[in-house]
């Protein structure tokens, strides 16, 4: 059963995905880390895409800094950032 938090998270993700606003890189990394934890937990899997090693290192660092969060906490943090910067 989908909770109110799940609905709010999905709505925030939709807003973030469709925005034309260019957010600062540190905010984008926070969104990335919170999204990954909210949707996949704390098991980080490095992307096998052709992104640079530096980019992957920044992603890994952002994830590690947030890895103490529970999935619901990460959803709340994600929603807060979207509300602060994109609404």
PDB file of N, CA and C in Angstrom:
ATOM      1  N   UNK A   1       0.840  -1.183   0.000  1.00  0.00           N
ATOM      2  CA  UNK A   1       0.000   0.000   0.000  1.00  0.00           C
ATOM      3  C   UNK A   1       0.889   1.252   0.000  1.00  0.00           C
ATOM      4  N   UNK A   2       0.546   2.184  -0.848  1.00  0.00           N
ATOM      5  CA  UNK A   2       1.326   3.415  -0.979  1.00  0.00           C
ATOM      6  C   UNK A   2       0.954   4.398   0.140  1.00  0.00           C
ATOM      7  N   UNK A   3       1.959   4.885   0.826  1.00  0.00           N
ATOM      8  CA  UNK A   3       1.745   5.832   1.920  1.00  0.00           C
ATOM      9  C   UNK A   3       1.715   7.265   1.382  1.00  0.00           C
ATOM     10  N   UNK A   4       1.336   8.191   2.244  1.00  0.00           N
ATOM     11  CA  UNK A   4       1.367   9.610   1.868  1.00  0.00           C
ATOM     12  C   UNK A   4       2.794  10.047   1.552  1.00  0.00           C
ATOM     13  N   UNK A   5       3.754   9.524   2.303  1.00  0.00           N
ATOM     14  CA  UNK A   5       5.156   9.849   2.046  1.00  0.00           C
ATOM     15  C   UNK A   5       5.576   9.364   0.657  1.00  0.00           C
ATOM     16  N   UNK A   6       5.163   8.164   0.288  1.00  0.00           N
ATOM     17  CA  UNK A   6       5.488   7.630  -1.036  1.00  0.00           C
ATOM     18  C   UNK A   6       4.901   8.517  -2.136  1.00  0.00           C
ATOM     19  N   UNK A   7       3.669   8.941  -1.959  1.00  0.00           N
ATOM     20  CA  UNK A   7       3.019   9.815  -2.949  1.00  0.00           C
ATOM     21  C   UNK A   7       3.756  11.150  -3.062  1.00  0.00           C
ATOM     22  N   UNK A   8       4.110  11.725  -1.912  1.00  0.00           N
ATOM     23  CA  UNK A   8       4.825  13.009  -1.913  1.00  0.00           C
ATOM     24  C   UNK A   8       6.200  12.856  -2.553  1.00  0.00           C
ATOM     25  N   UNK A   9       6.863  11.732  -2.295  1.00  0.00           N
ATOM     26  CA  UNK A   9       8.176  11.475  -2.887  1.00  0.00           C
ATOM     27  C   UNK A   9       8.067  11.358  -4.406  1.00  0.00           C
ATOM     28  N   UNK A  10       7.079  10.622  -4.877  1.00  0.00           N
ATOM     29  CA  UNK A  10       6.888  10.476  -6.326  1.00  0.00           C
ATOM     30  C   UNK A  10       6.610  11.825  -6.983  1.00  0.00           C
ATOM     31  N   UNK A  11       5.819  12.646  -6.325  1.00  0.00           N
ATOM     32  CA  UNK A  11       5.515  13.978  -6.850  1.00  0.00           C
ATOM     33  C   UNK A  11       6.775  14.844  -6.871  1.00  0.00           C
ATOM     34  N   UNK A  12       7.564  14.781  -5.817  1.00  0.00           N
ATOM     35  CA  UNK A  12       8.814  15.549  -5.776  1.00  0.00           C
ATOM     36  C   UNK A  12       9.769  15.081  -6.873  1.00  0.00           C
ATOM     37  N   UNK A  13       9.839  13.773  -7.080  1.00  0.00           N
ATOM     38  CA  UNK A  13      10.704  13.237  -8.134  1.00  0.00           C
ATOM     39  C   UNK A  13      10.246  13.732  -9.507  1.00  0.00           C
ATOM     40  N   UNK A  14       8.938  13.765  -9.720  1.00  0.00           N
ATOM     41  CA  UNK A  14       8.398  14.253 -10.994  1.00  0.00           C
ATOM     42  C   UNK A  14       8.799  15.709 -11.213  1.00  0.00           C
ATOM     43  N   UNK A  15       8.655  16.516 -10.168  1.00  0.00           N
ATOM     44  CA  UNK A  15       9.028  17.931 -10.263  1.00  0.00           C
ATOM     45  C   UNK A  15      10.514  18.067 -10.580  1.00  0.00           C
ATOM     46  N   UNK A  16      11.349  17.331  -9.853  1.00  0.00           N
ATOM     47  CA  UNK A  16      12.802  17.417 -10.061  1.00  0.00           C
ATOM     48  C   UNK A  16      13.202  16.928 -11.446  1.00  0.00           C
ATOM     49  N   UNK A  17      12.525  15.902 -11.939  1.00  0.00           N
ATOM     50  CA  UNK A  17      12.858  15.331 -13.245  1.00  0.00           C
ATOM     51  C   UNK A  17      12.480  16.244 -14.397  1.00  0.00           C
ATOM     52  N   UNK A  18      11.442  17.040 -14.193  1.00  0.00           N
ATOM     53  CA  UNK A  18      10.922  17.863 -15.279  1.00  0.00           C
ATOM     54  C   UNK A  18      11.368  19.320 -15.214  1.00  0.00           C
ATOM     55  N   UNK A  19      12.105  19.691 -14.190  1.00  0.00           N
ATOM     56  CA  UNK A  19      12.474  21.098 -14.020  1.00  0.00           C
ATOM     57  C   UNK A  19      13.495  21.546 -15.065  1.00  0.00           C
ATOM     58  N   UNK A  20      13.418  22.806 -15.359  1.00  0.00           N
ATOM     59  CA  UNK A  20      14.400  23.446 -16.240  1.00  0.00           C
ATOM     60  C   UNK A  20      15.411  24.236 -15.414  1.00  0.00           C
ATOM     61  N   UNK A  21      15.201  24.273 -14.104  1.00  0.00           N
ATOM     62  CA  UNK A  21      16.079  25.000 -13.190  1.00  0.00           C
ATOM     63  C   UNK A  21      17.412  24.264 -13.095  1.00  0.00           C
ATOM     64  N   UNK A  22      18.492  25.022 -13.238  1.00  0.00           N
ATOM     65  CA  UNK A  22      19.822  24.434 -13.107  1.00  0.00           C
ATOM     66  C   UNK A  22      20.265  24.596 -11.656  1.00  0.00           C
ATOM     67  N   UNK A  23      20.265  23.479 -10.950  1.00  0.00           N
ATOM     68  CA  UNK A  23      20.649  23.491  -9.541  1.00  0.00           C
ATOM     69  C   UNK A  23      22.168  23.410  -9.396  1.00  0.00           C
ATOM     70  N   UNK A  24      22.703  23.938  -8.304  1.00  0.00           N
ATOM     71  CA  UNK A  24      24.144  23.814  -8.055  1.00  0.00           C
ATOM     72  C   UNK A  24      24.538  22.333  -7.929  1.00  0.00           C
ATOM     73  N   UNK A  25      25.763  22.002  -8.317  1.00  0.00           N
ATOM     74  CA  UNK A  25      26.206  20.602  -8.273  1.00  0.00           C
ATOM     75  C   UNK A  25      26.059  19.933  -6.904  1.00  0.00           C
ATOM     76  N   UNK A  26      26.308  20.669  -5.816  1.00  0.00           N
ATOM     77  CA  UNK A  26      26.191  20.042  -4.499  1.00  0.00           C
ATOM     78  C   UNK A  26      24.743  19.662  -4.176  1.00  0.00           C
ATOM     79  N   UNK A  27      23.796  20.453  -4.635  1.00  0.00           N
ATOM     80  CA  UNK A  27      22.382  20.138  -4.431  1.00  0.00           C
ATOM     81  C   UNK A  27      21.986  18.946  -5.300  1.00  0.00           C
ATOM     82  N   UNK A  28      22.480  18.905  -6.512  1.00  0.00           N
ATOM     83  CA  UNK A  28      22.202  17.763  -7.394  1.00  0.00           C
ATOM     84  C   UNK A  28      22.741  16.466  -6.792  1.00  0.00           C
ATOM     85  N   UNK A  29      23.915  16.529  -6.194  1.00  0.00           N
ATOM     86  CA  UNK A  29      24.483  15.339  -5.566  1.00  0.00           C
ATOM     87  C   UNK A  29      23.666  14.899  -4.357  1.00  0.00           C
ATOM     88  N   UNK A  30      23.159  15.852  -3.604  1.00  0.00           N
ATOM     89  CA  UNK A  30      22.287  15.506  -2.474  1.00  0.00           C
ATOM     90  C   UNK A  30      21.028  14.811  -2.975  1.00  0.00           C
ATOM     91  N   UNK A  31      20.413  15.380  -4.004  1.00  0.00           N
ATOM     92  CA  UNK A  31      19.217  14.766  -4.579  1.00  0.00           C
ATOM     93  C   UNK A  31      19.524  13.346  -5.052  1.00  0.00           C
ATOM     94  N   UNK A  32      20.654  13.190  -5.718  1.00  0.00           N
ATOM     95  CA  UNK A  32      21.063  11.870  -6.207  1.00  0.00           C
ATOM     96  C   UNK A  32      21.177  10.884  -5.045  1.00  0.00           C
ATOM     97  N   UNK A  33      21.885  11.278  -4.003  1.00  0.00           N
ATOM     98  CA  UNK A  33      22.116  10.375  -2.870  1.00  0.00           C
ATOM     99  C   UNK A  33      20.801  10.020  -2.185  1.00  0.00           C
ATOM    100  N   UNK A  34      19.952  11.010  -1.941  1.00  0.00           N
ATOM    101  CA  UNK A  34      18.679  10.740  -1.273  1.00  0.00           C
ATOM    102  C   UNK A  34      17.783   9.860  -2.129  1.00  0.00           C
ATOM    103  N   UNK A  35      17.778  10.113  -3.426  1.00  0.00           N
ATOM    104  CA  UNK A  35      16.962   9.287  -4.321  1.00  0.00           C
ATOM    105  C   UNK A  35      17.430   7.833  -4.307  1.00  0.00           C
ATOM    106  N   UNK A  36      18.725   7.632  -4.414  1.00  0.00           N
ATOM    107  CA  UNK A  36      19.258   6.271  -4.435  1.00  0.00           C
ATOM    108  C   UNK A  36      18.950   5.540  -3.133  1.00  0.00           C
ATOM    109  N   UNK A  37      19.119   6.221  -2.007  1.00  0.00           N
ATOM    110  CA  UNK A  37      18.824   5.577  -0.722  1.00  0.00           C
ATOM    111  C   UNK A  37      17.324   5.305  -0.604  1.00  0.00           C
ATOM    112  N   UNK A  38      16.508   6.257  -1.042  1.00  0.00           N
ATOM    113  CA  UNK A  38      15.056   6.095  -0.949  1.00  0.00           C
ATOM    114  C   UNK A  38      14.545   4.958  -1.823  1.00  0.00           C
ATOM    115  N   UNK A  39      15.205   4.721  -2.942  1.00  0.00           N
ATOM    116  CA  UNK A  39      14.705   3.715  -3.883  1.00  0.00           C
ATOM    117  C   UNK A  39      15.477   2.408  -3.868  1.00  0.00           C
ATOM    118  N   UNK A  40      16.735   2.441  -3.426  1.00  0.00           N
ATOM    119  CA  UNK A  40      17.554   1.232  -3.469  1.00  0.00           C
ATOM    120  C   UNK A  40      18.238   0.898  -2.158  1.00  0.00           C
ATOM    121  N   UNK A  41      18.012   1.699  -1.147  1.00  0.00           N
ATOM    122  CA  UNK A  41      18.664   1.457   0.130  1.00  0.00           C
ATOM    123  C   UNK A  41      20.102   1.947   0.120  1.00  0.00           C
ATOM    124  N   UNK A  42      20.905   1.405   0.989  1.00  0.00           N
ATOM    125  CA  UNK A  42      22.279   1.900   1.153  1.00  0.00           C
ATOM    126  C   UNK A  42      23.318   1.084   0.396  1.00  0.00           C
ATOM    127  N   UNK A  43      22.899   0.212  -0.474  1.00  0.00           N
ATOM    128  CA  UNK A  43      23.853  -0.578  -1.263  1.00  0.00           C
ATOM    129  C   UNK A  43      24.187   0.182  -2.540  1.00  0.00           C
ATOM    130  N   UNK A  44      25.332   0.824  -2.526  1.00  0.00           N
ATOM    131  CA  UNK A  44      25.753   1.625  -3.674  1.00  0.00           C
ATOM    132  C   UNK A  44      26.321   0.720  -4.749  1.00  0.00           C
ATOM    133  N   UNK A  45      25.861   0.933  -5.958  1.00  0.00           N
ATOM    134  CA  UNK A  45      26.410   0.213  -7.104  1.00  0.00           C
ATOM    135  C   UNK A  45      26.920   1.251  -8.087  1.00  0.00           C
ATOM    136  N   UNK A  46      28.180   1.149  -8.390  1.00  0.00           N
ATOM    137  CA  UNK A  46      28.790   2.103  -9.306  1.00  0.00           C
ATOM    138  C   UNK A  46      28.212   1.934 -10.697  1.00  0.00           C
ATOM    139  N   UNK A  47      27.970   3.034 -11.334  1.00  0.00           N
ATOM    140  CA  UNK A  47      27.419   3.023 -12.677  1.00  0.00           C
ATOM    141  C   UNK A  47      28.420   2.436 -13.659  1.00  0.00           C
ATOM    142  N   UNK A  48      27.919   1.644 -14.574  1.00  0.00           N
ATOM    143  CA  UNK A  48      28.794   1.078 -15.595  1.00  0.00           C
ATOM    144  C   UNK A  48      28.761   1.917 -16.868  1.00  0.00           C
ATOM    145  N   UNK A  49      28.139   3.083 -16.781  1.00  0.00           N
ATOM    146  CA  UNK A  49      28.059   3.957 -17.943  1.00  0.00           C
ATOM    147  C   UNK A  49      29.416   4.598 -18.219  1.00  0.00           C
ATOM    148  N   UNK A  50      29.472   5.404 -19.230  1.00  0.00           N
ATOM    149  CA  UNK A  50      30.731   6.014 -19.640  1.00  0.00           C
ATOM    150  C   UNK A  50      31.023   7.315 -18.907  1.00  0.00           C
ATOM    151  N   UNK A  51      30.319   7.571 -17.796  1.00  0.00           N
ATOM    152  CA  UNK A  51      30.590   8.784 -17.024  1.00  0.00           C
ATOM    153  C   UNK A  51      32.028   8.733 -16.499  1.00  0.00           C
ATOM    154  N   UNK A  52      32.539   9.884 -16.237  1.00  0.00           N
ATOM    155  CA  UNK A  52      33.923   9.974 -15.786  1.00  0.00           C
ATOM    156  C   UNK A  52      34.106   9.371 -14.400  1.00  0.00           C
ATOM    157  N   UNK A  53      35.311   8.966 -14.116  1.00  0.00           N
ATOM    158  CA  UNK A  53      35.638   8.436 -12.794  1.00  0.00           C
ATOM    159  C   UNK A  53      35.430   9.503 -11.722  1.00  0.00           C
ATOM    160  N   UNK A  54      35.735  10.745 -12.051  1.00  0.00           N
ATOM    161  CA  UNK A  54      35.559  11.832 -11.099  1.00  0.00           C
ATOM    162  C   UNK A  54      34.085  11.988 -10.727  1.00  0.00           C
ATOM    163  N   UNK A  55      33.222  11.940 -11.727  1.00  0.00           N
ATOM    164  CA  UNK A  55      31.781  12.053 -11.471  1.00  0.00           C
ATOM    165  C   UNK A  55      31.313  10.910 -10.578  1.00  0.00           C
ATOM    166  N   UNK A  56      31.757   9.694 -10.857  1.00  0.00           N
ATOM    167  CA  UNK A  56      31.385   8.551 -10.031  1.00  0.00           C
ATOM    168  C   UNK A  56      31.917   8.698  -8.602  1.00  0.00           C
ATOM    169  N   UNK A  57      33.093   9.279  -8.460  1.00  0.00           N
ATOM    170  CA  UNK A  57      33.661   9.496  -7.127  1.00  0.00           C
ATOM    171  C   UNK A  57      32.807  10.485  -6.335  1.00  0.00           C
ATOM    172  N   UNK A  58      32.333  11.541  -6.984  1.00  0.00           N
ATOM    173  CA  UNK A  58      31.459  12.501  -6.311  1.00  0.00           C
ATOM    174  C   UNK A  58      30.143  11.842  -5.906  1.00  0.00           C
ATOM    175  N   UNK A  59      29.599  11.009  -6.783  1.00  0.00           N
ATOM    176  CA  UNK A  59      28.357  10.303  -6.462  1.00  0.00           C
ATOM    177  C   UNK A  59      28.566   9.372  -5.275  1.00  0.00           C
ATOM    178  N   UNK A  60      29.652   8.631  -5.290  1.00  0.00           N
ATOM    179  CA  UNK A  60      29.953   7.704  -4.210  1.00  0.00           C
ATOM    180  C   UNK A  60      30.109   8.466  -2.894  1.00  0.00           C
ATOM    181  N   UNK A  61      30.782   9.588  -2.926  1.00  0.00           N
ATOM    182  CA  UNK A  61      30.974  10.401  -1.734  1.00  0.00           C
ATOM    183  C   UNK A  61      29.636  10.915  -1.194  1.00  0.00           C
ATOM    184  N   UNK A  62      28.774  11.401  -2.074  1.00  0.00           N
ATOM    185  CA  UNK A  62      27.464  11.897  -1.653  1.00  0.00           C
ATOM    186  C   UNK A  62      26.656  10.773  -1.018  1.00  0.00           C
ATOM    187  N   UNK A  63      26.700   9.609  -1.614  1.00  0.00           N
ATOM    188  CA  UNK A  63      25.983   8.462  -1.065  1.00  0.00           C
ATOM    189  C   UNK A  63      26.533   8.077   0.302  1.00  0.00           C
ATOM    190  N   UNK A  64      27.843   8.014   0.422  1.00  0.00           N
ATOM    191  CA  UNK A  64      28.465   7.607   1.681  1.00  0.00           C
ATOM    192  C   UNK A  64      28.113   8.580   2.808  1.00  0.00           C
ATOM    193  N   UNK A  65      28.064   9.868   2.484  1.00  0.00           N
ATOM    194  CA  UNK A  65      27.735  10.868   3.496  1.00  0.00           C
ATOM    195  C   UNK A  65      26.293  10.745   3.982  1.00  0.00           C
ATOM    196  N   UNK A  66      25.435  10.126   3.169  1.00  0.00           N
ATOM    197  CA  UNK A  66      24.022   9.985   3.519  1.00  0.00           C
ATOM    198  C   UNK A  66      23.642   8.552   3.867  1.00  0.00           C
ATOM    199  N   UNK A  67      24.587   7.657   3.881  1.00  0.00           N
ATOM    200  CA  UNK A  67      24.282   6.230   4.027  1.00  0.00           C
ATOM    201  C   UNK A  67      23.736   5.850   5.402  1.00  0.00           C
ATOM    202  N   UNK A  68      23.768   6.759   6.351  1.00  0.00           N
ATOM    203  CA  UNK A  68      23.210   6.471   7.670  1.00  0.00           C
ATOM    204  C   UNK A  68      21.698   6.661   7.714  1.00  0.00           C
ATOM    205  N   UNK A  69      21.118   7.194   6.634  1.00  0.00           N
ATOM    206  CA  UNK A  69      19.682   7.455   6.593  1.00  0.00           C
ATOM    207  C   UNK A  69      18.887   6.193   6.276  1.00  0.00           C
ATOM    208  N   UNK A  70      17.708   6.125   6.820  1.00  0.00           N
ATOM    209  CA  UNK A  70      16.732   5.093   6.449  1.00  0.00           C
ATOM    210  C   UNK A  70      16.035   5.564   5.173  1.00  0.00           C
ATOM    211  N   UNK A  71      15.379   4.646   4.480  1.00  0.00           N
ATOM    212  CA  UNK A  71      14.722   4.991   3.221  1.00  0.00           C
ATOM    213  C   UNK A  71      13.685   6.102   3.394  1.00  0.00           C
ATOM    214  N   UNK A  72      12.876   6.034   4.440  1.00  0.00           N
ATOM    215  CA  UNK A  72      11.872   7.081   4.662  1.00  0.00           C
ATOM    216  C   UNK A  72      12.511   8.427   4.976  1.00  0.00           C
ATOM    217  N   UNK A  73      13.619   8.420   5.699  1.00  0.00           N
ATOM    218  CA  UNK A  73      14.330   9.668   5.988  1.00  0.00           C
ATOM    219  C   UNK A  73      14.869  10.285   4.697  1.00  0.00           C
ATOM    220  N   UNK A  74      15.402   9.445   3.823  1.00  0.00           N
ATOM    221  CA  UNK A  74      15.927   9.934   2.545  1.00  0.00           C
ATOM    222  C   UNK A  74      14.809  10.521   1.695  1.00  0.00           C
ATOM    223  N   UNK A  75      13.644   9.900   1.715  1.00  0.00           N
ATOM    224  CA  UNK A  75      12.496  10.442   0.972  1.00  0.00           C
ATOM    225  C   UNK A  75      12.135  11.822   1.499  1.00  0.00           C
ATOM    226  N   UNK A  76      12.098  11.973   2.816  1.00  0.00           N
ATOM    227  CA  UNK A  76      11.766  13.264   3.419  1.00  0.00           C
ATOM    228  C   UNK A  76      12.793  14.325   3.043  1.00  0.00           C
ATOM    229  N   UNK A  77      14.075  13.971   3.086  1.00  0.00           N
ATOM    230  CA  UNK A  77      15.131  14.921   2.734  1.00  0.00           C
ATOM    231  C   UNK A  77      15.020  15.331   1.257  1.00  0.00           C
ATOM    232  N   UNK A  78      14.737  14.373   0.393  1.00  0.00           N
ATOM    233  CA  UNK A  78      14.562  14.638  -1.038  1.00  0.00           C
ATOM    234  C   UNK A  78      13.414  15.622  -1.242  1.00  0.00           C
ATOM    235  N   UNK A  79      12.294  15.361  -0.603  1.00  0.00           N
ATOM    236  CA  UNK A  79      11.120  16.240  -0.716  1.00  0.00           C
ATOM    237  C   UNK A  79      11.461  17.649  -0.221  1.00  0.00           C
ATOM    238  N   UNK A  80      12.168  17.755   0.883  1.00  0.00           N
ATOM    239  CA  UNK A  80      12.542  19.066   1.431  1.00  0.00           C
ATOM    240  C   UNK A  80      13.388  19.870   0.451  1.00  0.00           C
ATOM    241  N   UNK A  81      14.333  19.213  -0.207  1.00  0.00           N
ATOM    242  CA  UNK A  81      15.179  19.925  -1.176  1.00  0.00           C
ATOM    243  C   UNK A  81      14.358  20.392  -2.358  1.00  0.00           C
ATOM    244  N   UNK A  82      13.490  19.528  -2.872  1.00  0.00           N
ATOM    245  CA  UNK A  82      12.652  19.917  -3.999  1.00  0.00           C
ATOM    246  C   UNK A  82      11.762  21.103  -3.616  1.00  0.00           C
ATOM    247  N   UNK A  83      11.173  21.050  -2.442  1.00  0.00           N
ATOM    248  CA  UNK A  83      10.319  22.154  -2.000  1.00  0.00           C
ATOM    249  C   UNK A  83      11.115  23.440  -1.812  1.00  0.00           C
ATOM    250  N   UNK A  84      12.330  23.320  -1.352  1.00  0.00           N
ATOM    251  CA  UNK A  84      13.152  24.516  -1.115  1.00  0.00           C
ATOM    252  C   UNK A  84      13.638  25.156  -2.412  1.00  0.00           C
ATOM    253  N   UNK A  85      14.070  24.350  -3.372  1.00  0.00           N
ATOM    254  CA  UNK A  85      14.716  24.895  -4.565  1.00  0.00           C
ATOM    255  C   UNK A  85      13.854  24.897  -5.828  1.00  0.00           C
ATOM    256  N   UNK A  86      12.804  24.097  -5.869  1.00  0.00           N
ATOM    257  CA  UNK A  86      12.078  23.945  -7.140  1.00  0.00           C
ATOM    258  C   UNK A  86      10.600  24.302  -7.078  1.00  0.00           C
ATOM    259  N   UNK A  87      10.126  24.792  -5.953  1.00  0.00           N
ATOM    260  CA  UNK A  87       8.700  25.178  -5.894  1.00  0.00           C
ATOM    261  C   UNK A  87       8.549  26.661  -5.812  1.00  0.00           C
TER     262      UNK A  87
END
